[in-house]
Amino acid sequence: MKNDIFMTADEKKSKRTLSRLILDFWLLMKPELTLLSVFTSLCSAYLAIQIPATSQLLTFPLLALGTLLVGGGSGALNQYLEREYDAKMKRTEKRPVPDERVSASEALIFGSFISFLGALILASINWLTAFLAISTLVTYIFLYTPLKRISPLSTIIGAIPGALPTLIGWAAIQNSLSYQSLTLFAILFYWQMPHFYSIGWLYRKDYLNAGFRFLTTVDEKGIRVSRHILQHQIILVLVGLTPAFVGLVTVGYIPFALIVGLIFLFFGWKFSRHAGKESSGAAARMLFFSSLFYLPIIFSAMIIFKNQ
């Protein structure tokens, strides 16, 4: 049997089974990021409830599906635009488009269609929710994606669409935004910095080879990277407490959020201690894994301590 590596694009397509095709389209949606968006939007929607109503029961499945489709569509369109660069990196060379299991035109059509469908579903909740979802897609595709090859500021810009699902979820219930919703946005915004800097450090050679201008590719020793990580984590510790100060959760949340935030900060400090050394990769990996625990724990705590 011919190895997949030596197959042409047409030969790979001829071998496609329905299950393999479904899996490849699912991978186009960047499920790890998309499911995070769904999770944070649903948590925000629950936190936005002031007076429970039976009409809100339908909002949650519509919100989940709409966010899944718009987020997944953004991921597919991003992979369509970056297919040439994905092919140059080991961590992405086996994605459906660069591996030619899915054609570029298929990715474009699929991403556009499910984004449009998701926006329609969210519009059935209210227009503000749909507007915020479309804004997420536009900033991700037309700002963050091209900026990745121009300036290290792309990480900060990219954190905006990354945090918007919190506002999408809030708007789905309230049909408006408030200072309380902005605390949720801020938590997700500042969390992304250490999370993506740790990824950027682990795969900096890949990103450099593909021509991406991240802070992790222009800062060879990682001194500036570690400084940025610590700065954003310190802010995150403080921002993580704000839901209690705006009446979103009870004061019982404060010690919990403080402990979780300080543990996360500890791993950022550990990375800073290893910056410029061979062991920096292991420290970045620990920081990355700690970031995966922080977000679900902090949002779960808010749900537990929600002000009724």
Protein backbone atom coordinates (compact mmCIF):
# COMPACT_ATOMS: atom_id res chain seq x y z
CA MET A 1 0.00 0.00 0.00
CA LYS A 2 1.33 3.42 -0.94
CA ASN A 3 2.39 5.58 2.00
CA ASP A 4 0.24 8.71 2.53
CA ILE A 5 3.36 10.87 2.30
CA PHE A 6 3.86 9.95 -1.34
CA MET A 7 0.21 10.24 -2.37
CA THR A 8 -1.04 13.08 -4.53
CA ALA A 9 -3.92 15.28 -3.34
CA ASP A 10 -6.35 13.48 -5.69
CA GLU A 11 -5.25 10.09 -4.37
CA LYS A 12 -5.77 11.21 -0.78
CA LYS A 13 -9.25 12.48 -1.63
CA SER A 14 -10.12 9.21 -3.36
CA LYS A 15 -9.30 7.34 -0.14
CA ARG A 16 -11.55 9.54 2.00
CA THR A 17 -14.20 7.76 4.03
CA LEU A 18 -17.18 9.56 5.53
CA SER A 19 -15.79 9.21 9.05
CA ARG A 20 -12.37 10.52 7.96
CA LEU A 21 -13.99 13.45 6.16
CA ILE A 22 -16.08 14.35 9.22
CA LEU A 23 -12.98 14.17 11.41
CA ASP A 24 -11.01 16.41 9.05
CA PHE A 25 -13.76 19.03 8.95
CA TRP A 26 -13.92 18.87 12.75
CA LEU A 27 -10.15 19.45 12.89
CA LEU A 28 -10.59 22.44 10.59
CA MET A 29 -12.73 23.98 13.32
CA LYS A 30 -9.78 24.04 15.78
CA PRO A 31 -11.88 22.18 18.37
CA GLU A 32 -9.59 22.89 21.34
CA LEU A 33 -10.04 26.67 20.91
CA THR A 34 -13.65 26.48 19.76
CA LEU A 35 -14.80 24.35 22.70
CA LEU A 36 -13.07 26.80 25.04
CA SER A 37 -15.13 29.59 23.45
CA VAL A 38 -18.32 27.56 23.94
CA PHE A 39 -17.42 26.87 27.58
CA THR A 40 -16.70 30.50 28.47
CA SER A 41 -19.77 31.79 26.64
CA LEU A 42 -22.05 29.34 28.47
CA CYS A 43 -20.48 30.17 31.84
CA SER A 44 -20.91 33.88 31.17
CA ALA A 45 -24.53 33.35 30.16
CA TYR A 46 -25.22 31.52 33.41
CA LEU A 47 -23.53 34.27 35.44
CA ALA A 48 -25.65 36.86 33.59
CA ILE A 49 -28.92 35.35 34.82
CA GLN A 50 -30.56 37.56 37.43
CA ILE A 51 -34.12 36.27 37.38
CA PRO A 52 -34.38 32.70 36.03
CA ALA A 53 -37.03 32.21 33.33
CA THR A 54 -38.13 29.19 31.33
CA SER A 55 -37.46 31.12 28.10
CA GLN A 56 -33.75 31.03 28.96
CA LEU A 57 -33.69 27.25 28.61
CA LEU A 58 -33.69 27.50 24.82
CA THR A 59 -31.02 30.19 24.87
CA PHE A 60 -28.28 27.87 26.10
CA PRO A 61 -28.39 25.24 23.31
CA LEU A 62 -28.72 28.00 20.68
CA LEU A 63 -25.77 29.85 22.25
CA ALA A 64 -23.66 26.70 22.37
CA LEU A 65 -24.40 25.75 18.75
CA GLY A 66 -24.02 29.28 17.40
CA THR A 67 -20.73 29.86 19.22
CA LEU A 68 -19.45 26.46 18.10
CA LEU A 69 -20.19 27.24 14.45
CA VAL A 70 -18.84 30.80 14.40
CA GLY A 71 -15.75 29.80 16.37
CA GLY A 72 -15.23 26.73 14.22
CA GLY A 73 -15.75 28.74 11.06
CA SER A 74 -13.12 31.21 12.20
CA GLY A 75 -10.72 28.33 12.77
CA ALA A 76 -11.39 26.88 9.32
CA LEU A 77 -10.94 30.25 7.61
CA ASN A 78 -7.73 30.80 9.56
CA GLN A 79 -6.39 27.46 8.35
CA TYR A 80 -7.39 28.36 4.80
CA LEU A 81 -5.45 31.63 4.98
CA GLU A 82 -2.42 30.11 6.71
CA ARG A 83 -2.21 26.84 4.77
CA GLU A 84 1.15 27.80 3.23
CA TYR A 85 2.67 28.58 6.63
CA ASP A 86 1.09 25.57 8.36
CA ALA A 87 2.91 23.36 5.85
CA LYS A 88 6.25 24.74 7.09
CA MET A 89 5.69 23.83 10.75
CA LYS A 90 5.91 20.35 12.25
CA ARG A 91 3.07 21.01 14.70
CA THR A 92 0.66 21.98 11.89
CA GLU A 93 1.93 20.23 8.75
CA LYS A 94 -0.56 17.39 9.26
CA ARG A 95 -3.57 19.64 9.41
CA PRO A 96 -6.21 18.74 6.79
CA VAL A 97 -5.37 21.49 4.28
CA PRO A 98 -1.53 21.41 4.21
CA ASP A 99 -1.70 17.59 4.21
CA GLU A 100 -4.09 17.90 1.21
CA ARG A 101 -6.80 15.75 2.77
CA VAL A 102 -9.10 18.76 2.35
CA SER A 103 -8.67 21.26 -0.48
CA ALA A 104 -8.25 24.98 0.15
CA SER A 105 -11.55 25.71 -1.60
CA GLU A 106 -13.37 23.16 0.56
CA ALA A 107 -11.95 24.77 3.71
CA LEU A 108 -13.00 28.22 2.48
CA ILE A 109 -16.55 27.13 1.63
CA PHE A 110 -16.94 25.13 4.85
CA GLY A 111 -15.61 27.93 7.07
CA SER A 112 -17.76 30.57 5.39
CA PHE A 113 -20.91 28.46 5.51
CA ILE A 114 -20.78 27.41 9.16
CA SER A 115 -19.78 30.95 10.24
CA PHE A 116 -22.84 32.34 8.44
CA LEU A 117 -25.07 29.63 9.90
CA GLY A 118 -23.73 30.24 13.40
CA ALA A 119 -24.33 33.98 13.11
CA LEU A 120 -27.94 33.31 12.03
CA ILE A 121 -28.49 31.04 15.02
CA LEU A 122 -27.10 33.66 17.41
CA ALA A 123 -29.22 36.35 15.72
CA SER A 124 -32.27 34.29 16.68
CA ILE A 125 -31.32 35.00 20.31
CA ASN A 126 -30.74 38.72 19.74
CA TRP A 127 -28.83 40.97 17.37
CA LEU A 128 -26.20 42.05 19.91
CA THR A 129 -25.13 38.44 20.40
CA ALA A 130 -24.79 37.98 16.62
CA PHE A 131 -22.90 41.28 16.26
CA LEU A 132 -20.37 40.28 18.92
CA ALA A 133 -19.88 36.88 17.27
CA ILE A 134 -19.30 38.47 13.86
CA SER A 135 -16.88 40.93 15.49
CA THR A 136 -14.99 37.95 16.92
CA LEU A 137 -14.66 36.41 13.46
CA VAL A 138 -13.67 39.67 11.75
CA THR A 139 -10.99 40.62 14.29
CA TYR A 140 -9.59 37.08 14.33
CA ILE A 141 -9.43 36.68 10.55
CA PHE A 142 -8.72 40.20 9.31
CA LEU A 143 -6.65 41.65 12.18
CA TYR A 144 -4.97 38.91 14.21
CA THR A 145 -4.21 36.49 11.36
CA PRO A 146 -2.30 38.93 9.08
CA LEU A 147 -0.65 40.71 12.05
CA LYS A 148 1.04 37.47 13.12
CA ARG A 149 3.56 37.97 10.31
CA ILE A 150 4.01 41.70 10.95
CA SER A 151 4.24 42.50 14.65
CA PRO A 152 4.50 40.85 18.11
CA LEU A 153 1.49 43.01 19.01
CA SER A 154 -0.60 40.36 17.25
CA THR A 155 -0.80 38.35 20.49
CA ILE A 156 -2.47 41.27 22.28
CA ILE A 157 -4.79 41.93 19.33
CA GLY A 158 -5.62 38.22 19.12
CA ALA A 159 -6.61 38.18 22.78
CA ILE A 160 -9.57 40.45 21.96
CA PRO A 161 -11.51 37.95 19.81
CA GLY A 162 -10.31 35.26 22.20
CA ALA A 163 -12.06 37.00 25.10
CA LEU A 164 -15.22 38.12 23.26
CA PRO A 165 -17.11 34.82 23.90
CA THR A 166 -17.62 36.02 27.48
CA LEU A 167 -19.51 39.05 26.14
CA ILE A 168 -21.37 36.87 23.62
CA GLY A 169 -22.68 34.70 26.46
CA TRP A 170 -23.61 37.69 28.61
CA ALA A 171 -25.44 39.40 25.75
CA ALA A 172 -27.38 36.23 25.00
CA ILE A 173 -29.12 36.56 28.39
CA GLN A 174 -29.10 40.31 29.03
CA ASN A 175 -29.23 41.67 25.45
CA SER A 176 -26.81 44.30 26.76
CA LEU A 177 -23.33 44.60 28.26
CA SER A 178 -22.31 45.88 31.70
CA TYR A 179 -19.27 46.50 33.85
CA GLN A 180 -19.87 43.04 35.34
CA SER A 181 -19.48 41.40 31.92
CA LEU A 182 -16.25 43.33 31.38
CA THR A 183 -14.70 41.61 34.41
CA LEU A 184 -15.24 38.25 32.68
CA PHE A 185 -13.78 39.64 29.46
CA ALA A 186 -10.72 40.91 31.36
CA ILE A 187 -10.08 37.53 33.02
CA LEU A 188 -10.08 35.72 29.69
CA PHE A 189 -8.05 38.47 28.01
CA TYR A 190 -5.19 38.44 30.52
CA TRP A 191 -5.23 34.64 30.84
CA GLN A 192 -4.40 34.30 27.16
CA MET A 193 -1.03 36.07 27.48
CA PRO A 194 0.82 33.47 29.59
CA HIS A 195 -1.09 30.71 27.82
CA PHE A 196 -0.05 31.72 24.30
CA TYR A 197 3.44 32.91 25.28
CA SER A 198 4.12 29.46 26.71
CA ILE A 199 2.95 27.85 23.45
CA GLY A 200 4.95 30.39 21.46
CA TRP A 201 8.09 29.56 23.42
CA LEU A 202 7.67 25.81 23.04
CA TYR A 203 7.25 26.12 19.26
CA ARG A 204 9.33 29.21 18.61
CA LYS A 205 11.56 27.44 16.05
CA ASP A 206 8.51 26.34 14.11
CA TYR A 207 7.03 29.85 14.17
CA LEU A 208 10.35 31.39 13.19
CA ASN A 209 10.68 29.00 10.26
CA ALA A 210 7.18 29.97 9.06
CA GLY A 211 7.96 33.68 9.32
CA PHE A 212 5.71 34.60 12.26
CA ARG A 213 6.79 37.67 14.24
CA PHE A 214 5.81 36.75 17.77
CA LEU A 215 7.60 38.06 20.83
CA THR A 216 8.85 34.50 21.33
CA THR A 217 10.55 34.53 17.91
CA VAL A 218 12.22 37.94 18.26
CA ASP A 219 13.32 37.49 21.89
CA GLU A 220 15.95 34.76 21.67
CA LYS A 221 16.71 34.44 25.38
CA GLY A 222 13.13 34.79 26.58
CA ILE A 223 13.87 37.64 29.02
CA ARG A 224 11.19 39.94 27.55
CA VAL A 225 8.83 37.00 27.18
CA SER A 226 9.14 36.10 30.86
CA ARG A 227 8.65 39.75 31.85
CA HIS A 228 5.46 39.99 29.81
CA ILE A 229 4.19 36.71 31.28
CA LEU A 230 4.73 37.88 34.86
CA GLN A 231 3.20 41.30 34.21
CA HIS A 232 0.04 39.82 32.76
CA GLN A 233 -0.22 37.15 35.45
CA ILE A 234 0.05 39.73 38.23
CA ILE A 235 -2.75 41.70 36.57
CA LEU A 236 -4.69 38.46 36.18
CA VAL A 237 -4.46 37.75 39.92
CA LEU A 238 -6.04 41.17 40.59
CA VAL A 239 -8.57 40.99 37.75
CA GLY A 240 -9.54 37.50 38.89
CA LEU A 241 -10.86 39.00 42.12
CA THR A 242 -13.04 41.67 40.49
CA PRO A 243 -16.20 39.53 39.99
CA ALA A 244 -16.60 39.62 43.78
CA PHE A 245 -16.17 43.40 43.91
CA VAL A 246 -18.88 44.03 41.30
CA GLY A 247 -21.41 41.76 42.99
CA LEU A 248 -21.26 38.96 40.45
CA VAL A 249 -20.14 36.37 43.03
CA THR A 250 -20.06 36.15 46.83
CA VAL A 251 -16.99 36.97 48.91
CA GLY A 252 -16.39 33.23 49.37
CA TYR A 253 -14.96 33.31 45.87
CA ILE A 254 -12.10 35.68 46.81
CA PRO A 255 -9.74 33.29 48.68
CA PHE A 256 -10.39 30.61 46.09
CA ALA A 257 -9.55 32.92 43.17
CA LEU A 258 -6.52 34.28 44.99
CA ILE A 259 -5.03 30.84 45.63
CA VAL A 260 -5.60 29.66 42.05
CA GLY A 261 -4.18 32.90 40.64
CA LEU A 262 -1.07 32.72 42.82
CA ILE A 263 -0.43 29.08 41.87
CA PHE A 264 -0.64 30.05 38.21
CA LEU A 265 1.69 32.99 38.88
CA PHE A 266 4.17 30.60 40.53
CA PHE A 267 4.60 28.72 37.25
CA GLY A 268 5.16 32.00 35.43
CA TRP A 269 7.83 32.88 37.99
CA LYS A 270 9.42 29.44 37.47
CA PHE A 271 9.62 30.13 33.74
CA SER A 272 11.26 33.50 34.37
CA ARG A 273 13.90 31.76 36.49
CA HIS A 274 14.73 29.44 33.59
CA ALA A 275 14.68 32.08 30.83
CA GLY A 276 17.78 31.82 28.66
CA LYS A 277 18.59 28.30 29.89
CA GLU A 278 18.19 24.84 28.38
CA SER A 279 15.50 24.07 30.94
CA SER A 280 13.26 26.88 29.70
CA GLY A 281 11.33 24.42 27.50
CA ALA A 282 10.31 22.27 30.46
CA ALA A 283 9.35 25.38 32.45
CA ALA A 284 7.24 26.66 29.52
CA ARG A 285 5.52 23.28 29.30
CA MET A 286 4.59 23.41 32.99
CA LEU A 287 3.30 26.95 32.53
CA PHE A 288 1.20 25.83 29.59
CA PHE A 289 -0.37 22.92 31.51
CA SER A 290 -1.06 25.13 34.53
CA SER A 291 -2.90 27.55 32.20
CA LEU A 292 -5.17 24.70 31.07
CA PHE A 293 -6.26 24.17 34.68
CA TYR A 294 -6.65 27.83 35.63
CA LEU A 295 -9.52 28.80 33.35
CA PRO A 296 -11.99 25.95 33.99
CA ILE A 297 -11.28 26.17 37.73
CA ILE A 298 -11.81 29.94 37.97
CA PHE A 299 -15.03 29.88 35.91
CA SER A 300 -16.33 26.88 37.85
CA ALA A 301 -15.63 28.78 41.08
CA MET A 302 -17.65 31.73 39.80
CA ILE A 303 -20.57 29.44 39.03
CA ILE A 304 -20.37 27.87 42.51
CA PHE A 305 -20.17 31.23 44.28
CA LYS A 306 -22.61 33.04 41.98
CA ASN A 307 -24.70 35.70 43.68
CA GLN A 308 -28.30 34.52 43.61
